[in-house]
């Protein structure tokens, strides 16, 4: 039968099945303690992708993969002329990550498909569950690379040519694990995109709420900066003769942190990655790489923060007597999500008596890039203590499943519109 567009009796997912599915994911690509270290295009990522594809096919979906490895699992609709409603997130993790960041969104999408199968319901529009490639940006920068290439934010060949710290290309790793798809997915053939994600902050838990309706995002700027100096002995080499790339990097790191504090509490500034060569005792570093990351809810303030960070690079290089260059730059966020979809989520949450609030996202999400080509919205659910990008990341069914049910009912309403 075709699912009712009014949904007077609200649909509910099988929370126990969802949690069992999350538990299987939580054993693939284990971290050092309780979490995961499932970096993009590693063997762990391949294993998880294989399991996800098998689950989707068992649920009756047609699975396709695009040239950057994004996976699309399509459940047919009653009207083949209609564009697809997409639901998803990512399955790759941080190097010391939790079991739910991104993963909850993908597997909640799969649970929607399974629930509709259980009820023998067919929506007017097809529904597709999507897994985006390399959202985290740990192994390959920039983050959200798969979604960015899909939306045309990044050139396809440029994306495939990005390399990890060992010089291995993104495209070659896609081919190695068997996820270099043959055809691009048409971004204009999308009705809408829904992404559910853990909040990655403490607000919902502190306020006793189960759903955050994300209306927009912080503006984020990032850069990869390289300093080049000269190797020398740490003992005999006079201070005046040193060309120490590590000193330049340290100066920039300190300056970026200072910028963050100057724009606090709303502004955030981080240098999360520092690569040092040769990184050995007794020898001055000849090369360093530093990643710069600044974020602010106000676009102009974010631009101001980033400009100050970039302007600090020549001074750091001069003080350390080295050369500097900006190897890569990126920007994401600074957007408002689709008003109609935001209102849909709010209406469904209110009708279902699920406590909720509007909020902005300070983290990066695939939804930002998808929003450039299709109406998009995000739903947040709580995580304990706001802890994330940490192996102790934790969620409970009691405050997560209500948000997944809001997602289910909102997606079905949209898919029947």
Protein backbone atom coordinates (compact mmCIF):
# COMPACT_ATOMS: atom_id res chain seq x y z
CA UNK A 1 0.00 0.00 0.00
CA UNK A 2 1.01 3.65 -0.35
CA UNK A 3 1.87 5.31 2.97
CA UNK A 4 -0.62 7.93 4.04
CA UNK A 5 0.54 11.51 3.51
CA UNK A 6 -1.24 12.63 6.68
CA UNK A 7 0.29 9.96 8.92
CA UNK A 8 -2.31 10.35 11.64
CA UNK A 9 -0.84 7.27 13.25
CA UNK A 10 2.85 8.02 13.48
CA UNK A 11 5.32 5.49 12.15
CA UNK A 12 7.97 4.10 14.46
CA UNK A 13 11.30 2.48 13.67
CA UNK A 14 12.43 -0.75 15.26
CA UNK A 15 14.78 0.74 17.85
CA UNK A 16 16.20 -2.61 18.90
CA UNK A 17 17.07 -3.50 15.31
CA UNK A 18 18.69 -0.10 14.79
CA UNK A 19 20.82 -0.61 17.90
CA UNK A 20 21.84 -4.09 16.76
CA UNK A 21 22.89 -2.61 13.43
CA UNK A 22 24.92 0.09 15.16
CA UNK A 23 26.59 -2.61 17.27
CA UNK A 24 27.79 -4.45 14.15
CA UNK A 25 29.28 -1.21 12.82
CA UNK A 26 30.88 -0.61 16.20
CA UNK A 27 33.03 -3.73 15.79
CA UNK A 28 34.47 -2.76 12.38
CA UNK A 29 37.65 -0.70 12.41
CA UNK A 30 38.18 -0.69 16.18
CA UNK A 31 40.12 2.05 17.91
CA UNK A 32 42.50 1.76 20.83
CA UNK A 33 39.81 1.52 23.50
CA UNK A 34 36.03 1.72 23.15
CA UNK A 35 35.65 3.58 19.86
CA UNK A 36 36.58 3.37 16.20
CA UNK A 37 39.48 4.30 13.93
CA UNK A 38 37.87 3.71 10.54
CA UNK A 39 39.54 6.22 8.27
CA UNK A 40 38.29 6.79 4.74
CA UNK A 41 39.27 4.18 2.14
CA UNK A 42 41.14 1.97 4.59
CA UNK A 43 40.48 -1.76 4.86
CA UNK A 44 38.12 -1.04 7.78
CA UNK A 45 36.17 1.42 5.65
CA UNK A 46 35.94 -1.16 2.86
CA UNK A 47 34.65 -3.80 5.29
CA UNK A 48 31.98 -1.44 6.62
CA UNK A 49 30.97 -0.40 3.12
CA UNK A 50 30.64 -4.04 2.07
CA UNK A 51 28.39 -4.78 5.04
CA UNK A 52 26.27 -1.67 4.40
CA UNK A 53 25.83 -2.54 0.72
CA UNK A 54 24.80 -6.08 1.64
CA UNK A 55 22.24 -4.78 4.14
CA UNK A 56 20.82 -2.38 1.54
CA UNK A 57 20.48 -5.09 -1.10
CA UNK A 58 18.86 -7.43 1.41
CA UNK A 59 16.33 -4.63 2.03
CA UNK A 60 15.50 -4.60 -1.67
CA UNK A 61 17.44 -1.49 -2.63
CA UNK A 62 19.28 -0.91 -5.89
CA UNK A 63 22.83 0.15 -5.02
CA UNK A 64 25.02 2.42 -7.15
CA UNK A 65 28.42 3.98 -6.48
CA UNK A 66 29.71 7.20 -8.04
CA UNK A 67 33.33 7.99 -9.06
CA UNK A 68 34.27 9.33 -5.61
CA UNK A 69 32.83 6.32 -3.80
CA UNK A 70 29.56 7.81 -2.59
CA UNK A 71 27.05 4.96 -2.15
CA UNK A 72 23.38 5.40 -3.09
CA UNK A 73 20.84 2.73 -2.06
CA UNK A 74 17.50 3.36 -3.78
CA UNK A 75 14.08 2.11 -2.69
CA UNK A 76 11.69 2.55 -5.60
CA UNK A 77 8.66 4.82 -5.30
CA UNK A 78 5.19 4.45 -6.75
CA UNK A 79 5.83 7.16 -9.34
CA UNK A 80 9.11 6.60 -11.23
CA UNK A 81 8.95 10.15 -12.61
CA UNK A 82 9.52 11.66 -9.17
CA UNK A 83 12.89 12.75 -7.85
CA UNK A 84 14.44 10.88 -4.94
CA UNK A 85 14.34 11.92 -1.29
CA UNK A 86 17.83 11.31 0.11
CA UNK A 87 18.71 10.38 3.70
CA UNK A 88 22.24 9.78 4.90
CA UNK A 89 25.57 10.83 6.33
CA UNK A 90 28.98 9.08 6.50
CA UNK A 91 30.52 5.83 7.77
CA UNK A 92 34.18 6.93 8.04
CA UNK A 93 35.42 8.02 11.46
CA UNK A 94 38.06 10.10 13.15
CA UNK A 95 41.37 8.43 13.98
CA UNK A 96 40.22 8.25 17.61
CA UNK A 97 36.50 8.43 16.95
CA UNK A 98 33.24 7.28 18.40
CA UNK A 99 30.73 4.76 17.11
CA UNK A 100 27.94 7.17 16.19
CA UNK A 101 29.29 10.32 14.49
CA UNK A 102 27.83 10.09 10.97
CA UNK A 103 27.15 6.39 11.37
CA UNK A 104 23.86 6.99 13.18
CA UNK A 105 22.63 9.06 10.22
CA UNK A 106 23.43 6.42 7.59
CA UNK A 107 22.04 3.50 9.57
CA UNK A 108 18.92 5.47 10.55
CA UNK A 109 18.32 5.89 6.83
CA UNK A 110 18.64 2.13 6.40
CA UNK A 111 16.24 1.61 9.30
CA UNK A 112 13.69 3.83 7.52
CA UNK A 113 13.87 1.50 4.51
CA UNK A 114 13.50 -1.58 6.72
CA UNK A 115 10.55 -0.07 8.57
CA UNK A 116 8.70 0.76 5.35
CA UNK A 117 9.37 -2.80 4.17
CA UNK A 118 7.93 -4.17 7.42
CA UNK A 119 4.78 -2.12 6.87
CA UNK A 120 4.62 -2.91 3.14
CA UNK A 121 4.41 0.82 2.43
CA UNK A 122 5.37 2.45 -0.85
CA UNK A 123 6.06 6.17 -1.01
CA UNK A 124 5.32 8.29 -4.06
CA UNK A 125 8.94 9.39 -4.42
CA UNK A 126 11.83 6.95 -4.29
CA UNK A 127 13.91 7.12 -1.11
CA UNK A 128 17.68 6.77 -1.25
CA UNK A 129 20.06 6.13 1.62
CA UNK A 130 23.45 7.68 0.92
CA UNK A 131 26.88 7.15 2.45
CA UNK A 132 29.23 10.03 1.60
CA UNK A 133 32.97 9.42 1.24
CA UNK A 134 35.67 10.98 3.43
CA UNK A 135 33.48 13.29 5.48
CA UNK A 136 35.96 13.50 8.33
CA UNK A 137 38.91 14.66 6.25
CA UNK A 138 41.36 12.82 8.50
CA UNK A 139 43.18 10.93 5.80
CA UNK A 140 42.42 13.17 2.82
CA UNK A 141 41.81 16.92 3.03
CA UNK A 142 39.54 18.77 2.73
CA UNK A 143 36.74 17.19 4.75
CA UNK A 144 33.39 16.34 3.13
CA UNK A 145 35.32 15.52 -0.04
CA UNK A 146 32.79 13.04 -1.44
CA UNK A 147 29.78 15.30 -0.95
CA UNK A 148 31.75 18.25 -2.32
CA UNK A 149 32.65 16.39 -5.51
CA UNK A 150 29.05 15.20 -5.88
CA UNK A 151 27.69 18.75 -5.59
CA UNK A 152 30.30 20.25 -7.93
CA UNK A 153 31.99 22.21 -5.16
CA UNK A 154 35.19 20.29 -6.00
CA UNK A 155 36.34 19.27 -9.46
CA UNK A 156 36.23 15.48 -9.83
CA UNK A 157 39.80 15.07 -11.06
CA UNK A 158 41.07 17.38 -8.34
CA UNK A 159 39.28 15.33 -5.68
CA UNK A 160 40.65 12.04 -7.04
CA UNK A 161 44.15 13.51 -7.01
CA UNK A 162 44.23 14.46 -3.33
CA UNK A 163 46.84 12.52 -1.37
CA UNK A 164 47.24 11.34 2.21
CA UNK A 165 50.35 11.95 4.33
CA UNK A 166 52.07 9.00 2.64
CA UNK A 167 51.45 10.39 -0.83
CA UNK A 168 48.75 7.83 -1.71
CA UNK A 169 46.08 9.26 -4.01
CA UNK A 170 42.39 9.30 -3.13
CA UNK A 171 41.51 7.87 -6.54
CA UNK A 172 43.94 4.97 -6.33
CA UNK A 173 42.62 3.99 -2.89
CA UNK A 174 39.04 4.08 -4.18
CA UNK A 175 40.06 1.64 -6.91
CA UNK A 176 41.99 -0.55 -4.45
CA UNK A 177 38.99 -1.11 -2.20
CA UNK A 178 36.59 -1.49 -5.13
CA UNK A 179 34.54 1.68 -4.70
CA UNK A 180 35.50 3.75 -7.74
CA UNK A 181 32.07 3.85 -9.35
CA UNK A 182 31.52 4.21 -13.09
CA UNK A 183 28.97 7.03 -13.33
CA UNK A 184 28.29 10.33 -11.63
CA UNK A 185 24.98 10.66 -9.80
CA UNK A 186 22.93 13.52 -11.26
CA UNK A 187 22.67 16.12 -8.47
CA UNK A 188 19.65 17.71 -10.13
CA UNK A 189 17.65 14.47 -9.76
CA UNK A 190 17.14 15.01 -6.03
CA UNK A 191 13.97 16.23 -4.38
CA UNK A 192 15.53 16.84 -0.97
CA UNK A 193 18.17 15.67 1.50
CA UNK A 194 17.75 14.83 5.21
CA UNK A 195 20.70 14.21 7.51
CA UNK A 196 20.41 13.05 11.11
CA UNK A 197 23.51 13.45 13.25
CA UNK A 198 24.52 13.41 16.88
CA UNK A 199 24.72 16.99 18.15
CA UNK A 200 28.44 16.86 19.00
CA UNK A 201 27.72 19.33 21.77
CA UNK A 202 26.04 19.42 25.20
CA UNK A 203 23.04 21.68 24.56
CA UNK A 204 20.29 19.12 23.93
CA UNK A 205 21.30 16.96 26.89
CA UNK A 206 21.59 19.94 29.23
CA UNK A 207 18.16 21.24 28.20
CA UNK A 208 16.49 17.83 28.30
CA UNK A 209 15.59 17.91 24.60
CA UNK A 210 15.58 15.05 22.11
CA UNK A 211 15.75 16.88 18.78
CA UNK A 212 17.73 19.82 17.48
CA UNK A 213 16.38 21.31 14.27
CA UNK A 214 19.43 22.70 12.51
CA UNK A 215 18.56 25.94 10.77
CA UNK A 216 22.06 26.75 9.55
CA UNK A 217 25.75 26.59 10.27
CA UNK A 218 28.86 28.39 11.36
CA UNK A 219 31.16 29.62 8.58
CA UNK A 220 34.39 27.62 8.53
CA UNK A 221 37.69 28.40 6.82
CA UNK A 222 40.62 26.02 6.59
CA UNK A 223 44.13 25.98 5.18
CA UNK A 224 47.14 23.72 4.91
CA UNK A 225 50.31 25.75 5.47
CA UNK A 226 53.85 24.58 4.71
CA UNK A 227 57.08 25.98 6.18
CA UNK A 228 60.43 25.04 4.62
CA UNK A 229 63.74 25.55 6.42
CA UNK A 230 67.00 23.64 6.59
CA UNK A 231 68.27 20.66 8.56
CA UNK A 232 71.08 21.42 10.98
CA UNK A 233 72.60 20.10 14.20
CA UNK A 234 70.70 21.14 17.34
CA UNK A 235 73.99 21.66 19.21
CA UNK A 236 76.62 23.50 17.18
CA UNK A 237 74.26 25.57 15.01
CA UNK A 238 74.07 29.14 16.29
CA UNK A 239 70.63 30.57 16.88
CA UNK A 240 71.28 33.29 14.29
CA UNK A 241 72.00 30.67 11.61
CA UNK A 242 68.98 28.47 12.13
CA UNK A 243 66.19 27.96 9.61
CA UNK A 244 63.83 26.09 11.87
CA UNK A 245 60.52 25.14 10.27
CA UNK A 246 59.17 23.86 13.59
CA UNK A 247 59.61 27.27 15.22
CA UNK A 248 57.57 28.87 12.44
CA UNK A 249 54.83 26.29 12.88
CA UNK A 250 54.80 26.81 16.65
CA UNK A 251 54.46 30.56 16.22
CA UNK A 252 51.52 30.10 13.88
CA UNK A 253 49.82 27.59 16.18
CA UNK A 254 50.11 30.02 19.09
CA UNK A 255 48.76 32.89 16.98
CA UNK A 256 45.77 30.88 15.75
CA UNK A 257 44.89 29.96 19.34
CA UNK A 258 45.15 33.63 20.32
CA UNK A 259 42.76 34.53 17.49
CA UNK A 260 40.28 31.99 18.80
CA UNK A 261 40.39 33.47 22.28
CA UNK A 262 40.05 36.99 20.89
CA UNK A 263 36.79 35.98 19.19
CA UNK A 264 35.48 33.78 22.01
CA UNK A 265 33.00 32.59 23.04
CA UNK A 266 31.43 32.31 19.59
CA UNK A 267 34.65 31.99 17.61
CA UNK A 268 36.73 28.80 17.50
CA UNK A 269 40.26 28.46 16.11
CA UNK A 270 42.35 25.30 15.93
CA UNK A 271 45.53 23.86 14.49
CA UNK A 272 44.61 20.19 14.72
CA UNK A 273 47.41 18.70 12.64
CA UNK A 274 51.16 19.32 12.67
CA UNK A 275 53.53 17.32 10.45
CA UNK A 276 57.25 17.64 11.17
CA UNK A 277 60.23 16.47 9.12
CA UNK A 278 62.43 14.74 10.06
CA UNK A 279 60.89 14.86 13.57
CA UNK A 280 63.96 13.36 15.25
CA UNK A 281 66.11 14.20 18.25
CA UNK A 282 69.16 16.40 17.66
CA UNK A 283 68.20 17.78 14.23
CA UNK A 284 66.45 21.02 13.30
CA UNK A 285 63.28 20.53 11.28
CA UNK A 286 63.52 21.41 7.61
CA UNK A 287 59.80 21.13 6.88
CA UNK A 288 56.47 21.41 8.72
CA UNK A 289 52.83 21.37 7.70
CA UNK A 290 50.11 22.96 9.82
CA UNK A 291 46.35 22.87 9.32
CA UNK A 292 44.47 26.03 10.27
CA UNK A 293 40.76 25.90 11.12
CA UNK A 294 38.65 28.92 12.15
CA UNK A 295 34.88 29.03 12.69
CA UNK A 296 32.28 31.60 13.67
CA UNK A 297 28.47 31.86 13.32
CA UNK A 298 28.86 35.31 11.73
CA UNK A 299 30.30 35.20 8.21
CA UNK A 300 32.11 38.54 8.50
CA UNK A 301 33.69 37.55 11.80
CA UNK A 302 34.81 34.21 10.38
CA UNK A 303 36.41 36.02 7.46
CA UNK A 304 38.12 38.39 9.89
CA UNK A 305 39.49 35.48 11.93
CA UNK A 306 40.78 33.72 8.83
CA UNK A 307 42.38 36.85 7.43
CA UNK A 308 44.24 37.35 10.71
CA UNK A 309 45.45 33.74 10.66
CA UNK A 310 46.70 33.98 7.09
CA UNK A 311 48.30 37.36 7.77
CA UNK A 312 50.28 35.77 10.62
CA UNK A 313 52.08 33.34 8.30
CA UNK A 314 54.72 35.70 6.82
CA UNK A 315 55.67 36.99 10.26
CA UNK A 316 56.11 33.49 11.63
CA UNK A 317 58.28 32.58 8.64
CA UNK A 318 60.41 35.68 9.00
CA UNK A 319 61.06 35.11 12.70
CA UNK A 320 62.11 31.52 12.02
CA UNK A 321 64.13 32.43 8.89
CA UNK A 322 62.16 30.01 6.67
CA UNK A 323 59.92 30.04 3.60
CA UNK A 324 56.14 29.71 3.82
CA UNK A 325 53.37 28.78 1.44
CA UNK A 326 49.65 28.05 1.67
CA UNK A 327 49.26 24.70 -0.10
CA UNK A 328 45.49 24.30 0.14
CA UNK A 329 42.48 26.34 1.29
CA UNK A 330 38.81 25.52 1.80
CA UNK A 331 35.58 26.99 3.10
CA UNK A 332 32.28 25.44 4.13
CA UNK A 333 29.14 26.33 6.01
CA UNK A 334 27.77 29.83 6.39
CA UNK A 335 24.37 28.77 5.12
CA UNK A 336 20.73 28.50 6.08
CA UNK A 337 18.94 25.22 5.51
CA UNK A 338 15.73 24.99 3.51
CA UNK A 339 12.90 26.81 5.32
CA UNK A 340 10.20 24.41 4.11
CA UNK A 341 12.11 21.37 5.40
CA UNK A 342 12.94 23.09 8.69
CA UNK A 343 9.24 23.80 9.15
CA UNK A 344 8.42 20.18 8.27
CA UNK A 345 10.74 18.85 10.96
CA UNK A 346 9.35 21.32 13.49
CA UNK A 347 5.76 20.36 12.66
CA UNK A 348 6.42 16.63 12.90
CA UNK A 349 8.35 16.98 16.17
CA UNK A 350 5.55 19.08 17.69
CA UNK A 351 2.83 16.68 16.55
CA UNK A 352 4.77 13.75 18.00
CA UNK A 353 5.38 15.62 21.29
CA UNK A 354 9.15 15.29 20.90
CA UNK A 355 10.86 18.16 22.76
CA UNK A 356 12.97 20.19 20.37
CA UNK A 357 14.66 23.49 19.61
CA UNK A 358 16.29 25.32 16.71
CA UNK A 359 20.08 25.50 16.65
CA UNK A 360 23.15 26.15 14.51
CA UNK A 361 25.86 23.61 13.75
CA UNK A 362 29.48 24.47 14.49
CA UNK A 363 30.84 21.24 12.99
CA UNK A 364 31.27 20.38 9.32
CA UNK A 365 28.68 18.14 7.65
CA UNK A 366 28.07 16.69 4.18
CA UNK A 367 24.72 18.47 4.24
CA UNK A 368 26.48 21.80 3.65
CA UNK A 369 27.62 20.77 0.18
CA UNK A 370 24.38 18.96 -0.69
CA UNK A 371 22.50 22.15 0.24
CA UNK A 372 24.08 23.87 -2.78
CA UNK A 373 22.17 21.57 -5.17
CA UNK A 374 19.01 20.48 -3.30
CA UNK A 375 16.71 21.50 -0.42
CA UNK A 376 18.43 20.22 2.71
CA UNK A 377 17.85 19.95 6.44
CA UNK A 378 19.59 18.41 9.45
CA UNK A 379 18.31 16.89 12.68
CA UNK A 380 20.48 16.63 15.80
CA UNK A 381 20.04 14.09 18.58
CA UNK A 382 21.83 14.26 21.95
CA UNK A 383 25.16 12.70 22.84
CA UNK A 384 26.32 12.20 26.40
CA UNK A 385 28.24 15.19 27.74
CA UNK A 386 28.62 16.54 24.21
CA UNK A 387 31.67 14.27 23.87
CA UNK A 388 32.58 13.53 20.24
CA UNK A 389 35.66 12.91 18.08
CA UNK A 390 36.57 10.80 21.07
CA UNK A 391 36.37 7.07 21.66
CA UNK A 392 34.10 7.73 24.67
CA UNK A 393 31.36 9.18 22.45
CA UNK A 394 28.07 7.70 23.69
CA UNK A 395 24.34 7.76 22.96
CA UNK A 396 21.32 5.92 24.40
CA UNK A 397 18.19 4.60 22.65
CA UNK A 398 15.88 6.45 25.06
CA UNK A 399 16.86 9.89 23.75
CA UNK A 400 17.97 8.89 20.23
CA UNK A 401 15.09 6.80 18.86
CA UNK A 402 12.56 9.68 19.22
CA UNK A 403 14.69 11.76 16.86
CA UNK A 404 14.95 8.87 14.41
CA UNK A 405 11.16 8.59 14.49
CA UNK A 406 10.86 12.29 13.69
CA UNK A 407 13.21 11.71 10.77
CA UNK A 408 11.17 8.72 9.57
CA UNK A 409 7.85 10.57 9.59
CA UNK A 410 9.28 13.72 8.03
CA UNK A 411 10.98 11.77 5.23
CA UNK A 412 7.80 9.82 4.47
CA UNK A 413 5.71 12.99 4.38
CA UNK A 414 8.17 14.55 1.99
CA UNK A 415 8.33 11.38 -0.12
CA UNK A 416 4.55 11.42 -0.45
CA UNK A 417 4.30 15.09 -1.38
